[in-house]
């Protein structure tokens, strides 16, 4: 896939052939949204079906004009993810698309050889999975269980890779693009030694990707069974959170009734006081591993345009790393105190 050649062929110029004439092999977009979701997208995301392809073309033209070497897919369905995530604001959608590729280039430990088969041990551990049933708002629930990770087996970046691929798979659905997702994080049994792997440098990168570098709407983050150590973990995370996202964090402790106010028991497994049977990770693992072909492109080889400025980058390099390392030294006493 060559974003540069696509842009070369689609860059607007006087008297140039239409996009459809230049790229007849580009997949034609067919909307899969139900009438109710079309209405929801119109009301919440400012998406007008009659203007949808015009908006996609406008974003495509901006990419080709401002970032001709971005190396991105320019298909209608792909670009729509970014427009929906930014409520059809062209400028914000463009910046999100640039950030999406930037974060891949700047974190090779996560994005090199990124495919389901490469993170099979993480999937088999049950660290991350997706509950089989959506919530009443039509949102998938992503379940994360840090206690399933043994640091001596593989580094924390493997867990991040598994979460990223899970989100990539989910966002292929137009329903998820409109409804967003909910996160359920179970911190039962998380120790100080395990928490220390999630320092400010890693926290900033992960939060940066989820907030500004990935086209998904995170509607709620439910934390369950958090130990006292979580106060220290959240102190690391919170400075990097936007107010809107911070307000979507719900700390339930061991109170399942509190959790059930946000996620109904009918879709929760027995482990969380639900009625949907035992938590089964096999179905999601099989689905993700069967999607190997979707992730064949090499995430680490994407190149940013040479004229991109530092403020375009999600992570700005050694200076940020040093600053975050300094912050980590300051946070460690707080982690010990909370523990």
C-alpha atoms as a PDB file:
ATOM      1  CA  UNK A   1       0.000   0.000   0.000  1.00  0.00           C
ATOM      2  CA  UNK A   2       1.527   3.296  -1.023  1.00  0.00           C
ATOM      3  CA  UNK A   3      -0.061   6.432   0.343  1.00  0.00           C
ATOM      4  CA  UNK A   4       2.307   8.581  -1.706  1.00  0.00           C
ATOM      5  CA  UNK A   5       1.229   7.091  -5.013  1.00  0.00           C
ATOM      6  CA  UNK A   6      -2.429   7.397  -4.028  1.00  0.00           C
ATOM      7  CA  UNK A   7      -1.954  11.060  -3.213  1.00  0.00           C
ATOM      8  CA  UNK A   8      -0.030  11.653  -6.396  1.00  0.00           C
ATOM      9  CA  UNK A   9      -2.947  10.252  -8.323  1.00  0.00           C
ATOM     10  CA  UNK A  10      -5.619  12.067  -6.348  1.00  0.00           C
ATOM     11  CA  UNK A  11      -4.057  15.470  -5.705  1.00  0.00           C
ATOM     12  CA  UNK A  12      -6.535  18.072  -6.930  1.00  0.00           C
ATOM     13  CA  UNK A  13      -5.427  20.084  -9.903  1.00  0.00           C
ATOM     14  CA  UNK A  14      -7.127  22.038 -12.638  1.00  0.00           C
ATOM     15  CA  UNK A  15      -8.557  19.861 -15.347  1.00  0.00           C
ATOM     16  CA  UNK A  16      -7.536  16.638 -13.608  1.00  0.00           C
ATOM     17  CA  UNK A  17      -9.725  13.543 -13.981  1.00  0.00           C
ATOM     18  CA  UNK A  18     -12.105  12.695 -11.206  1.00  0.00           C
ATOM     19  CA  UNK A  19     -11.036  10.480  -8.322  1.00  0.00           C
ATOM     20  CA  UNK A  20     -13.231   7.639  -9.551  1.00  0.00           C
ATOM     21  CA  UNK A  21     -11.527   7.761 -12.954  1.00  0.00           C
ATOM     22  CA  UNK A  22      -8.056   7.735 -11.416  1.00  0.00           C
ATOM     23  CA  UNK A  23      -8.715   5.002  -8.869  1.00  0.00           C
ATOM     24  CA  UNK A  24     -11.397   2.686 -10.230  1.00  0.00           C
ATOM     25  CA  UNK A  25     -10.187  -0.132  -7.978  1.00  0.00           C
ATOM     26  CA  UNK A  26     -10.827   1.757  -4.733  1.00  0.00           C
ATOM     27  CA  UNK A  27     -13.486  -0.100  -2.676  1.00  0.00           C
ATOM     28  CA  UNK A  28     -16.876   1.548  -2.937  1.00  0.00           C
ATOM     29  CA  UNK A  29     -18.283   2.514   0.435  1.00  0.00           C
ATOM     30  CA  UNK A  30     -21.578   0.897   1.407  1.00  0.00           C
ATOM     31  CA  UNK A  31     -23.097   2.084   4.675  1.00  0.00           C
ATOM     32  CA  UNK A  32     -23.875  -0.749   7.117  1.00  0.00           C
ATOM     33  CA  UNK A  33     -25.517   1.414   9.788  1.00  0.00           C
ATOM     34  CA  UNK A  34     -29.082   0.715  10.807  1.00  0.00           C
ATOM     35  CA  UNK A  35     -31.627   3.550  10.463  1.00  0.00           C
ATOM     36  CA  UNK A  36     -31.394   4.163  14.221  1.00  0.00           C
ATOM     37  CA  UNK A  37     -27.602   4.435  14.058  1.00  0.00           C
ATOM     38  CA  UNK A  38     -27.799   6.744  11.047  1.00  0.00           C
ATOM     39  CA  UNK A  39     -29.989   9.009  13.172  1.00  0.00           C
ATOM     40  CA  UNK A  40     -27.613   8.699  16.147  1.00  0.00           C
ATOM     41  CA  UNK A  41     -24.612   9.532  13.959  1.00  0.00           C
ATOM     42  CA  UNK A  42     -26.424  12.584  12.632  1.00  0.00           C
ATOM     43  CA  UNK A  43     -27.340  13.833  16.118  1.00  0.00           C
ATOM     44  CA  UNK A  44     -24.119  12.999  17.981  1.00  0.00           C
ATOM     45  CA  UNK A  45     -21.419  13.074  15.299  1.00  0.00           C
ATOM     46  CA  UNK A  46     -22.800  15.666  12.855  1.00  0.00           C
ATOM     47  CA  UNK A  47     -22.753  12.978  10.145  1.00  0.00           C
ATOM     48  CA  UNK A  48     -25.124  13.733   7.278  1.00  0.00           C
ATOM     49  CA  UNK A  49     -25.578  10.765   4.909  1.00  0.00           C
ATOM     50  CA  UNK A  50     -26.157  13.074   1.963  1.00  0.00           C
ATOM     51  CA  UNK A  51     -22.788  14.787   2.598  1.00  0.00           C
ATOM     52  CA  UNK A  52     -20.825  11.765   3.820  1.00  0.00           C
ATOM     53  CA  UNK A  53     -18.794  11.070   0.653  1.00  0.00           C
ATOM     54  CA  UNK A  54     -18.213  14.784   0.112  1.00  0.00           C
ATOM     55  CA  UNK A  55     -16.739  14.990   3.616  1.00  0.00           C
ATOM     56  CA  UNK A  56     -14.543  11.951   2.983  1.00  0.00           C
ATOM     57  CA  UNK A  57     -13.253  13.489  -0.233  1.00  0.00           C
ATOM     58  CA  UNK A  58     -12.497  16.739   1.570  1.00  0.00           C
ATOM     59  CA  UNK A  59     -10.377  14.880   4.132  1.00  0.00           C
ATOM     60  CA  UNK A  60      -8.679  12.890   1.369  1.00  0.00           C
ATOM     61  CA  UNK A  61      -7.790  16.129  -0.453  1.00  0.00           C
ATOM     62  CA  UNK A  62      -6.347  17.608   2.751  1.00  0.00           C
ATOM     63  CA  UNK A  63      -4.156  14.549   3.283  1.00  0.00           C
ATOM     64  CA  UNK A  64      -2.870  14.697  -0.273  1.00  0.00           C
ATOM     65  CA  UNK A  65      -2.185  18.422  -0.094  1.00  0.00           C
ATOM     66  CA  UNK A  66      -0.646  18.689   3.395  1.00  0.00           C
ATOM     67  CA  UNK A  67       0.796  15.193   3.981  1.00  0.00           C
ATOM     68  CA  UNK A  68       1.437  13.589   0.578  1.00  0.00           C
ATOM     69  CA  UNK A  69       3.981  11.148   2.033  1.00  0.00           C
ATOM     70  CA  UNK A  70       1.947   9.994   5.009  1.00  0.00           C
ATOM     71  CA  UNK A  71       1.558   6.505   3.564  1.00  0.00           C
ATOM     72  CA  UNK A  72      -2.031   6.134   4.681  1.00  0.00           C
ATOM     73  CA  UNK A  73      -4.977   4.249   3.312  1.00  0.00           C
ATOM     74  CA  UNK A  74      -7.349   6.634   1.522  1.00  0.00           C
ATOM     75  CA  UNK A  75     -10.376   4.388   1.204  1.00  0.00           C
ATOM     76  CA  UNK A  76     -13.728   5.920   2.120  1.00  0.00           C
ATOM     77  CA  UNK A  77     -14.422   3.465   4.948  1.00  0.00           C
ATOM     78  CA  UNK A  78     -11.001   4.021   6.517  1.00  0.00           C
ATOM     79  CA  UNK A  79     -11.166   7.820   6.445  1.00  0.00           C
ATOM     80  CA  UNK A  80     -14.694   7.747   7.831  1.00  0.00           C
ATOM     81  CA  UNK A  81     -13.332   6.329  11.090  1.00  0.00           C
ATOM     82  CA  UNK A  82     -11.392   9.527  11.681  1.00  0.00           C
ATOM     83  CA  UNK A  83     -14.208  11.848  10.677  1.00  0.00           C
ATOM     84  CA  UNK A  84     -16.610  10.100  13.039  1.00  0.00           C
ATOM     85  CA  UNK A  85     -14.114  10.146  15.897  1.00  0.00           C
ATOM     86  CA  UNK A  86     -13.822  13.931  15.538  1.00  0.00           C
ATOM     87  CA  UNK A  87     -17.473  14.689  14.723  1.00  0.00           C
ATOM     88  CA  UNK A  88     -16.710  15.521  11.091  1.00  0.00           C
ATOM     89  CA  UNK A  89     -14.368  18.383  11.941  1.00  0.00           C
ATOM     90  CA  UNK A  90     -11.960  18.172   8.996  1.00  0.00           C
ATOM     91  CA  UNK A  91      -8.954  19.724  10.747  1.00  0.00           C
ATOM     92  CA  UNK A  92      -9.278  17.608  13.862  1.00  0.00           C
ATOM     93  CA  UNK A  93      -9.843  14.467  11.815  1.00  0.00           C
ATOM     94  CA  UNK A  94      -6.696  15.202   9.802  1.00  0.00           C
ATOM     95  CA  UNK A  95      -4.625  15.712  12.954  1.00  0.00           C
ATOM     96  CA  UNK A  96      -5.976  12.458  14.392  1.00  0.00           C
ATOM     97  CA  UNK A  97      -4.968  10.638  11.208  1.00  0.00           C
ATOM     98  CA  UNK A  98      -1.458  12.109  11.360  1.00  0.00           C
ATOM     99  CA  UNK A  99      -1.172  11.181  15.050  1.00  0.00           C
ATOM    100  CA  UNK A 100      -2.391   7.666  14.260  1.00  0.00           C
ATOM    101  CA  UNK A 101       0.566   7.128  11.950  1.00  0.00           C
ATOM    102  CA  UNK A 102       3.006   9.100  14.084  1.00  0.00           C
ATOM    103  CA  UNK A 103       2.490   6.937  17.147  1.00  0.00           C
ATOM    104  CA  UNK A 104       3.209   3.845  15.082  1.00  0.00           C
ATOM    105  CA  UNK A 105       6.485   5.295  13.842  1.00  0.00           C
ATOM    106  CA  UNK A 106       7.671   6.516  17.237  1.00  0.00           C
ATOM    107  CA  UNK A 107       7.145   3.346  19.274  1.00  0.00           C
ATOM    108  CA  UNK A 108       8.682   0.390  17.390  1.00  0.00           C
ATOM    109  CA  UNK A 109       8.599  -1.844  20.494  1.00  0.00           C
ATOM    110  CA  UNK A 110       4.820  -1.834  20.149  1.00  0.00           C
ATOM    111  CA  UNK A 111       4.225  -1.502  16.420  1.00  0.00           C
ATOM    112  CA  UNK A 112       6.901  -3.711  14.852  1.00  0.00           C
ATOM    113  CA  UNK A 113       5.535  -7.033  13.611  1.00  0.00           C
ATOM    114  CA  UNK A 114       2.133  -6.164  15.045  1.00  0.00           C
ATOM    115  CA  UNK A 115      -0.265  -8.984  14.241  1.00  0.00           C
ATOM    116  CA  UNK A 116      -2.468 -11.321  16.297  1.00  0.00           C
ATOM    117  CA  UNK A 117      -0.192 -14.345  16.102  1.00  0.00           C
ATOM    118  CA  UNK A 118       2.651 -12.281  17.594  1.00  0.00           C
ATOM    119  CA  UNK A 119       0.680 -11.574  20.783  1.00  0.00           C
ATOM    120  CA  UNK A 120      -0.879 -15.015  21.190  1.00  0.00           C
ATOM    121  CA  UNK A 121       0.637 -15.545  24.684  1.00  0.00           C
ATOM    122  CA  UNK A 122      -1.047 -12.343  25.898  1.00  0.00           C
ATOM    123  CA  UNK A 123      -4.392 -13.433  24.475  1.00  0.00           C
ATOM    124  CA  UNK A 124      -4.073 -16.877  26.027  1.00  0.00           C
ATOM    125  CA  UNK A 125      -3.318 -15.327  29.422  1.00  0.00           C
ATOM    126  CA  UNK A 126      -6.666 -13.551  29.412  1.00  0.00           C
ATOM    127  CA  UNK A 127      -5.086 -10.131  29.969  1.00  0.00           C
ATOM    128  CA  UNK A 128      -7.503  -8.539  27.480  1.00  0.00           C
ATOM    129  CA  UNK A 129     -10.723  -9.782  25.976  1.00  0.00           C
ATOM    130  CA  UNK A 130     -14.065  -8.482  24.743  1.00  0.00           C
ATOM    131  CA  UNK A 131     -17.304  -9.536  26.388  1.00  0.00           C
ATOM    132  CA  UNK A 132     -19.628 -11.377  23.978  1.00  0.00           C
ATOM    133  CA  UNK A 133     -22.597  -9.037  24.470  1.00  0.00           C
ATOM    134  CA  UNK A 134     -22.870  -5.289  23.900  1.00  0.00           C
ATOM    135  CA  UNK A 135     -24.326  -2.993  26.552  1.00  0.00           C
ATOM    136  CA  UNK A 136     -27.773  -1.339  26.160  1.00  0.00           C
ATOM    137  CA  UNK A 137     -26.148   1.555  24.272  1.00  0.00           C
ATOM    138  CA  UNK A 138     -24.707  -0.857  21.705  1.00  0.00           C
ATOM    139  CA  UNK A 139     -21.139  -0.577  23.008  1.00  0.00           C
ATOM    140  CA  UNK A 140     -18.630  -3.414  23.235  1.00  0.00           C
ATOM    141  CA  UNK A 141     -17.055  -3.936  26.669  1.00  0.00           C
ATOM    142  CA  UNK A 142     -13.286  -4.441  26.629  1.00  0.00           C
ATOM    143  CA  UNK A 143     -12.187  -6.340  29.729  1.00  0.00           C
ATOM    144  CA  UNK A 144      -8.604  -5.845  30.942  1.00  0.00           C
ATOM    145  CA  UNK A 145      -7.150  -7.928  33.796  1.00  0.00           C
ATOM    146  CA  UNK A 146      -3.598  -6.890  34.740  1.00  0.00           C
ATOM    147  CA  UNK A 147      -3.321  -9.708  37.301  1.00  0.00           C
ATOM    148  CA  UNK A 148      -3.138 -12.133  34.372  1.00  0.00           C
ATOM    149  CA  UNK A 149       0.230 -10.701  33.338  1.00  0.00           C
ATOM    150  CA  UNK A 150       3.471 -12.208  34.624  1.00  0.00           C
ATOM    151  CA  UNK A 151       6.234  -9.606  33.999  1.00  0.00           C
ATOM    152  CA  UNK A 152       8.952 -12.258  33.805  1.00  0.00           C
ATOM    153  CA  UNK A 153       7.206 -13.811  30.784  1.00  0.00           C
ATOM    154  CA  UNK A 154       7.180 -10.745  28.518  1.00  0.00           C
ATOM    155  CA  UNK A 155       7.427  -6.938  28.789  1.00  0.00           C
ATOM    156  CA  UNK A 156       4.484  -4.613  29.355  1.00  0.00           C
ATOM    157  CA  UNK A 157       4.644  -3.508  25.720  1.00  0.00           C
ATOM    158  CA  UNK A 158       3.219  -6.904  24.710  1.00  0.00           C
ATOM    159  CA  UNK A 159       0.079  -6.098  26.702  1.00  0.00           C
ATOM    160  CA  UNK A 160      -0.182  -2.740  24.945  1.00  0.00           C
ATOM    161  CA  UNK A 161       0.146  -4.478  21.573  1.00  0.00           C
ATOM    162  CA  UNK A 162      -2.717  -6.813  22.467  1.00  0.00           C
ATOM    163  CA  UNK A 163      -4.955  -3.917  23.524  1.00  0.00           C
ATOM    164  CA  UNK A 164      -4.130  -2.003  20.344  1.00  0.00           C
ATOM    165  CA  UNK A 165      -4.967  -4.925  18.080  1.00  0.00           C
ATOM    166  CA  UNK A 166      -8.199  -5.471  19.990  1.00  0.00           C
ATOM    167  CA  UNK A 167      -9.183  -1.856  19.331  1.00  0.00           C
ATOM    168  CA  UNK A 168      -8.156  -2.150  15.673  1.00  0.00           C
ATOM    169  CA  UNK A 169     -10.447  -5.132  15.270  1.00  0.00           C
ATOM    170  CA  UNK A 170     -13.359  -3.461  17.057  1.00  0.00           C
ATOM    171  CA  UNK A 171     -13.120  -0.220  15.075  1.00  0.00           C
ATOM    172  CA  UNK A 172     -13.650  -2.079  11.819  1.00  0.00           C
ATOM    173  CA  UNK A 173     -17.330  -2.117  12.771  1.00  0.00           C
ATOM    174  CA  UNK A 174     -19.289   0.995  11.818  1.00  0.00           C
ATOM    175  CA  UNK A 175     -21.557   0.322  14.776  1.00  0.00           C
ATOM    176  CA  UNK A 176     -18.575   0.670  17.110  1.00  0.00           C
ATOM    177  CA  UNK A 177     -17.404   3.806  15.309  1.00  0.00           C
ATOM    178  CA  UNK A 178     -20.726   5.429  16.196  1.00  0.00           C
ATOM    179  CA  UNK A 179     -21.455   3.911  19.614  1.00  0.00           C
ATOM    180  CA  UNK A 180     -17.924   3.782  21.019  1.00  0.00           C
ATOM    181  CA  UNK A 181     -16.672   1.291  23.606  1.00  0.00           C
ATOM    182  CA  UNK A 182     -16.614   0.781  27.365  1.00  0.00           C
ATOM    183  CA  UNK A 183     -13.567  -0.447  29.281  1.00  0.00           C
ATOM    184  CA  UNK A 184     -13.768  -2.694  32.340  1.00  0.00           C
ATOM    185  CA  UNK A 185     -10.429  -2.954  34.145  1.00  0.00           C
ATOM    186  CA  UNK A 186     -10.082  -5.426  37.021  1.00  0.00           C
ATOM    187  CA  UNK A 187      -7.106  -4.512  39.205  1.00  0.00           C
ATOM    188  CA  UNK A 188      -7.496  -7.392  41.633  1.00  0.00           C
ATOM    189  CA  UNK A 189      -4.110  -8.637  42.827  1.00  0.00           C
ATOM    190  CA  UNK A 190      -2.027  -5.874  41.214  1.00  0.00           C
ATOM    191  CA  UNK A 191       1.143  -5.548  43.265  1.00  0.00           C
ATOM    192  CA  UNK A 192       3.608  -2.716  43.674  1.00  0.00           C
ATOM    193  CA  UNK A 193       6.231  -4.503  41.572  1.00  0.00           C
ATOM    194  CA  UNK A 194       3.748  -4.949  38.729  1.00  0.00           C
ATOM    195  CA  UNK A 195       2.513  -1.342  38.963  1.00  0.00           C
ATOM    196  CA  UNK A 196       6.066  -0.032  38.729  1.00  0.00           C
ATOM    197  CA  UNK A 197       6.247  -1.200  35.096  1.00  0.00           C
ATOM    198  CA  UNK A 198       3.601   1.383  34.187  1.00  0.00           C
ATOM    199  CA  UNK A 199       5.643   4.561  34.682  1.00  0.00           C
ATOM    200  CA  UNK A 200       4.914   8.055  33.336  1.00  0.00           C
ATOM    201  CA  UNK A 201       6.739   7.466  30.042  1.00  0.00           C
ATOM    202  CA  UNK A 202       4.601   4.428  29.196  1.00  0.00           C
ATOM    203  CA  UNK A 203       1.501   6.104  30.631  1.00  0.00           C
ATOM    204  CA  UNK A 204       1.947   9.204  28.489  1.00  0.00           C
ATOM    205  CA  UNK A 205       2.343   7.182  25.314  1.00  0.00           C
ATOM    206  CA  UNK A 206      -0.640   4.934  25.989  1.00  0.00           C
ATOM    207  CA  UNK A 207      -2.900   7.816  26.991  1.00  0.00           C
ATOM    208  CA  UNK A 208      -1.671   9.819  24.000  1.00  0.00           C
ATOM    209  CA  UNK A 209      -2.641   7.012  21.636  1.00  0.00           C
ATOM    210  CA  UNK A 210      -6.067   6.468  23.174  1.00  0.00           C
ATOM    211  CA  UNK A 211      -6.922  10.185  23.378  1.00  0.00           C
ATOM    212  CA  UNK A 212      -5.263  11.649  20.308  1.00  0.00           C
ATOM    213  CA  UNK A 213      -3.939   8.830  18.147  1.00  0.00           C
ATOM    214  CA  UNK A 214      -6.710   6.325  17.589  1.00  0.00           C
ATOM    215  CA  UNK A 215     -10.173   6.772  16.016  1.00  0.00           C
ATOM    216  CA  UNK A 216     -12.298   5.294  18.766  1.00  0.00           C
ATOM    217  CA  UNK A 217     -14.762   6.806  21.231  1.00  0.00           C
ATOM    218  CA  UNK A 218     -14.085   5.644  24.801  1.00  0.00           C
ATOM    219  CA  UNK A 219     -17.352   6.325  26.599  1.00  0.00           C
ATOM    220  CA  UNK A 220     -16.494   4.965  30.061  1.00  0.00           C
ATOM    221  CA  UNK A 221     -13.625   3.359  31.984  1.00  0.00           C
ATOM    222  CA  UNK A 222     -14.852   1.227  34.885  1.00  0.00           C
ATOM    223  CA  UNK A 223     -12.215   0.229  37.456  1.00  0.00           C
ATOM    224  CA  UNK A 224     -13.070  -2.686  39.731  1.00  0.00           C
ATOM    225  CA  UNK A 225     -11.208  -4.266  42.667  1.00  0.00           C
ATOM    226  CA  UNK A 226      -8.588  -1.537  42.683  1.00  0.00           C
ATOM    227  CA  UNK A 227      -6.135  -1.815  45.618  1.00  0.00           C
ATOM    228  CA  UNK A 228      -4.728   1.168  47.471  1.00  0.00           C
ATOM    229  CA  UNK A 229      -1.797   1.123  45.051  1.00  0.00           C
ATOM    230  CA  UNK A 230      -4.181   2.333  42.344  1.00  0.00           C
ATOM    231  CA  UNK A 231      -4.152   5.798  43.895  1.00  0.00           C
ATOM    232  CA  UNK A 232      -0.507   5.974  42.893  1.00  0.00           C
ATOM    233  CA  UNK A 233      -1.196   4.531  39.445  1.00  0.00           C
ATOM    234  CA  UNK A 234      -3.984   7.025  38.821  1.00  0.00           C
ATOM    235  CA  UNK A 235      -1.725   9.844  40.018  1.00  0.00           C
ATOM    236  CA  UNK A 236       0.637   8.877  37.183  1.00  0.00           C
ATOM    237  CA  UNK A 237      -2.153   8.712  34.611  1.00  0.00           C
ATOM    238  CA  UNK A 238      -4.276  11.725  35.527  1.00  0.00           C
ATOM    239  CA  UNK A 239      -1.898  14.528  34.400  1.00  0.00           C
ATOM    240  CA  UNK A 240      -2.093  13.151  30.861  1.00  0.00           C
ATOM    241  CA  UNK A 241      -5.882  12.849  30.767  1.00  0.00           C
ATOM    242  CA  UNK A 242      -8.139  15.436  29.235  1.00  0.00           C
ATOM    243  CA  UNK A 243     -10.920  16.563  31.555  1.00  0.00           C
ATOM    244  CA  UNK A 244     -13.602  14.901  29.423  1.00  0.00           C
ATOM    245  CA  UNK A 245     -11.851  11.526  29.614  1.00  0.00           C
ATOM    246  CA  UNK A 246     -10.964  11.893  33.304  1.00  0.00           C
ATOM    247  CA  UNK A 247     -14.649  12.415  34.064  1.00  0.00           C
ATOM    248  CA  UNK A 248     -15.423   9.089  32.409  1.00  0.00           C
ATOM    249  CA  UNK A 249     -13.367   7.112  34.946  1.00  0.00           C
ATOM    250  CA  UNK A 250     -15.474   5.286  37.537  1.00  0.00           C
ATOM    251  CA  UNK A 251     -13.763   3.651  40.520  1.00  0.00           C
ATOM    252  CA  UNK A 252     -16.012   0.988  42.027  1.00  0.00           C
ATOM    253  CA  UNK A 253     -13.670  -0.763  44.467  1.00  0.00           C
ATOM    254  CA  UNK A 254     -15.239  -4.092  45.416  1.00  0.00           C
ATOM    255  CA  UNK A 255     -18.790  -2.734  45.105  1.00  0.00           C
ATOM    256  CA  UNK A 256     -20.426  -4.801  42.368  1.00  0.00           C
ATOM    257  CA  UNK A 257     -23.696  -2.921  42.802  1.00  0.00           C
ATOM    258  CA  UNK A 258     -21.847   0.254  41.830  1.00  0.00           C
ATOM    259  CA  UNK A 259     -20.423  -1.485  38.754  1.00  0.00           C
ATOM    260  CA  UNK A 260     -23.892  -2.715  37.792  1.00  0.00           C
ATOM    261  CA  UNK A 261     -25.146   0.862  37.645  1.00  0.00           C
ATOM    262  CA  UNK A 262     -22.792   1.375  34.693  1.00  0.00           C
ATOM    263  CA  UNK A 263     -22.739  -2.105  33.153  1.00  0.00           C
ATOM    264  CA  UNK A 264     -25.885  -4.235  33.550  1.00  0.00           C
ATOM    265  CA  UNK A 265     -25.453  -7.719  35.099  1.00  0.00           C
ATOM    266  CA  UNK A 266     -27.168  -9.341  32.100  1.00  0.00           C
ATOM    267  CA  UNK A 267     -24.039  -8.820  29.952  1.00  0.00           C
ATOM    268  CA  UNK A 268     -21.460  -9.367  32.709  1.00  0.00           C
ATOM    269  CA  UNK A 269     -19.838 -12.743  33.527  1.00  0.00           C
ATOM    270  CA  UNK A 270     -20.336 -14.404  36.898  1.00  0.00           C
ATOM    271  CA  UNK A 271     -16.945 -13.132  38.077  1.00  0.00           C
ATOM    272  CA  UNK A 272     -18.428  -9.625  38.198  1.00  0.00           C
ATOM    273  CA  UNK A 273     -21.822 -10.516  39.609  1.00  0.00           C
ATOM    274  CA  UNK A 274     -23.377 -10.976  36.194  1.00  0.00           C
ATOM    275  CA  UNK A 275     -25.705 -13.562  34.698  1.00  0.00           C
ATOM    276  CA  UNK A 276     -23.902 -14.183  31.393  1.00  0.00           C
ATOM    277  CA  UNK A 277     -22.041 -17.293  32.551  1.00  0.00           C
ATOM    278  CA  UNK A 278     -18.339 -17.746  33.223  1.00  0.00           C
ATOM    279  CA  UNK A 279     -15.924 -15.354  31.527  1.00  0.00           C
ATOM    280  CA  UNK A 280     -14.871 -17.077  28.297  1.00  0.00           C
ATOM    281  CA  UNK A 281     -11.873 -15.638  26.457  1.00  0.00           C
ATOM    282  CA  UNK A 282     -11.746 -18.271  23.730  1.00  0.00           C
ATOM    283  CA  UNK A 283     -14.342 -16.751  21.381  1.00  0.00           C
ATOM    284  CA  UNK A 284     -12.593 -13.378  21.185  1.00  0.00           C
ATOM    285  CA  UNK A 285      -9.160 -14.983  20.876  1.00  0.00           C
ATOM    286  CA  UNK A 286     -10.344 -17.117  17.968  1.00  0.00           C
ATOM    287  CA  UNK A 287     -11.907 -14.124  16.239  1.00  0.00           C
ATOM    288  CA  UNK A 288      -8.790 -11.988  16.578  1.00  0.00           C
ATOM    289  CA  UNK A 289      -6.374 -14.734  15.573  1.00  0.00           C
ATOM    290  CA  UNK A 290      -8.525 -15.458  12.518  1.00  0.00           C
ATOM    291  CA  UNK A 291      -8.026 -11.815  11.469  1.00  0.00           C
ATOM    292  CA  UNK A 292      -4.319 -12.161  10.708  1.00  0.00           C
ATOM    293  CA  UNK A 293      -4.799 -10.944   7.129  1.00  0.00           C
ATOM    294  CA  UNK A 294      -6.224  -7.654   8.430  1.00  0.00           C
ATOM    295  CA  UNK A 295      -2.916  -6.825  10.110  1.00  0.00           C
ATOM    296  CA  UNK A 296      -0.361  -7.828   7.483  1.00  0.00           C
ATOM    297  CA  UNK A 297       0.821  -4.288   6.774  1.00  0.00           C
ATOM    298  CA  UNK A 298       3.996  -3.395   8.644  1.00  0.00           C
ATOM    299  CA  UNK A 299       3.151  -0.769  11.256  1.00  0.00           C
ATOM    300  CA  UNK A 300       6.748   0.211  11.876  1.00  0.00           C
ATOM    301  CA  UNK A 301       7.610   1.160   8.295  1.00  0.00           C
ATOM    302  CA  UNK A 302       5.173   4.072   7.963  1.00  0.00           C
ATOM    303  CA  UNK A 303       6.899   7.370   7.195  1.00  0.00           C
ATOM    304  CA  UNK A 304       5.796  10.850   8.166  1.00  0.00           C
ATOM    305  CA  UNK A 305       6.100  13.720   5.691  1.00  0.00           C
ATOM    306  CA  UNK A 306       9.457  15.438   5.918  1.00  0.00           C
ATOM    307  CA  UNK A 307       7.864  18.811   6.627  1.00  0.00           C
ATOM    308  CA  UNK A 308       6.031  17.658   9.751  1.00  0.00           C
ATOM    309  CA  UNK A 309       6.835  19.852  12.716  1.00  0.00           C
ATOM    310  CA  UNK A 310       7.473  18.749  16.304  1.00  0.00           C
ATOM    311  CA  UNK A 311       3.991  19.776  17.452  1.00  0.00           C
ATOM    312  CA  UNK A 312       2.550  17.209  15.037  1.00  0.00           C
ATOM    313  CA  UNK A 313       4.269  14.383  16.882  1.00  0.00           C
ATOM    314  CA  UNK A 314       2.442  12.488  19.556  1.00  0.00           C
ATOM    315  CA  UNK A 315       5.708  11.861  21.370  1.00  0.00           C
ATOM    316  CA  UNK A 316       8.541  14.323  20.973  1.00  0.00           C
ATOM    317  CA  UNK A 317      11.501  12.119  21.705  1.00  0.00           C
ATOM    318  CA  UNK A 318      14.329  12.118  24.228  1.00  0.00           C
ATOM    319  CA  UNK A 319      13.270  15.274  26.040  1.00  0.00           C
ATOM    320  CA  UNK A 320       9.899  13.796  26.898  1.00  0.00           C
ATOM    321  CA  UNK A 321      11.494  10.534  27.935  1.00  0.00           C
ATOM    322  CA  UNK A 322      13.872  12.326  30.307  1.00  0.00           C
ATOM    323  CA  UNK A 323      11.019  14.403  31.725  1.00  0.00           C
ATOM    324  CA  UNK A 324       8.918  11.308  32.298  1.00  0.00           C
ATOM    325  CA  UNK A 325      11.830   9.442  33.894  1.00  0.00           C
ATOM    326  CA  UNK A 326      12.234  12.367  36.290  1.00  0.00           C
ATOM    327  CA  UNK A 327       8.508  12.221  37.019  1.00  0.00           C
ATOM    328  CA  UNK A 328       8.741   8.488  37.706  1.00  0.00           C
ATOM    329  CA  UNK A 329      11.418   9.047  40.333  1.00  0.00           C
ATOM    330  CA  UNK A 330       9.083  11.503  41.992  1.00  0.00           C
ATOM    331  CA  UNK A 331       6.136   9.121  41.814  1.00  0.00           C
ATOM    332  CA  UNK A 332       7.836   6.061  43.304  1.00  0.00           C
ATOM    333  CA  UNK A 333       7.633   7.301  46.915  1.00  0.00           C
ATOM    334  CA  UNK A 334       3.932   7.939  46.361  1.00  0.00           C
ATOM    335  CA  UNK A 335       3.453   4.411  45.043  1.00  0.00           C
ATOM    336  CA  UNK A 336       5.164   2.969  48.115  1.00  0.00           C
ATOM    337  CA  UNK A 337       3.065   5.184  50.379  1.00  0.00           C
ATOM    338  CA  UNK A 338      -0.197   4.070  48.746  1.00  0.00           C
ATOM    339  CA  UNK A 339       0.851   0.444  48.908  1.00  0.00           C
END
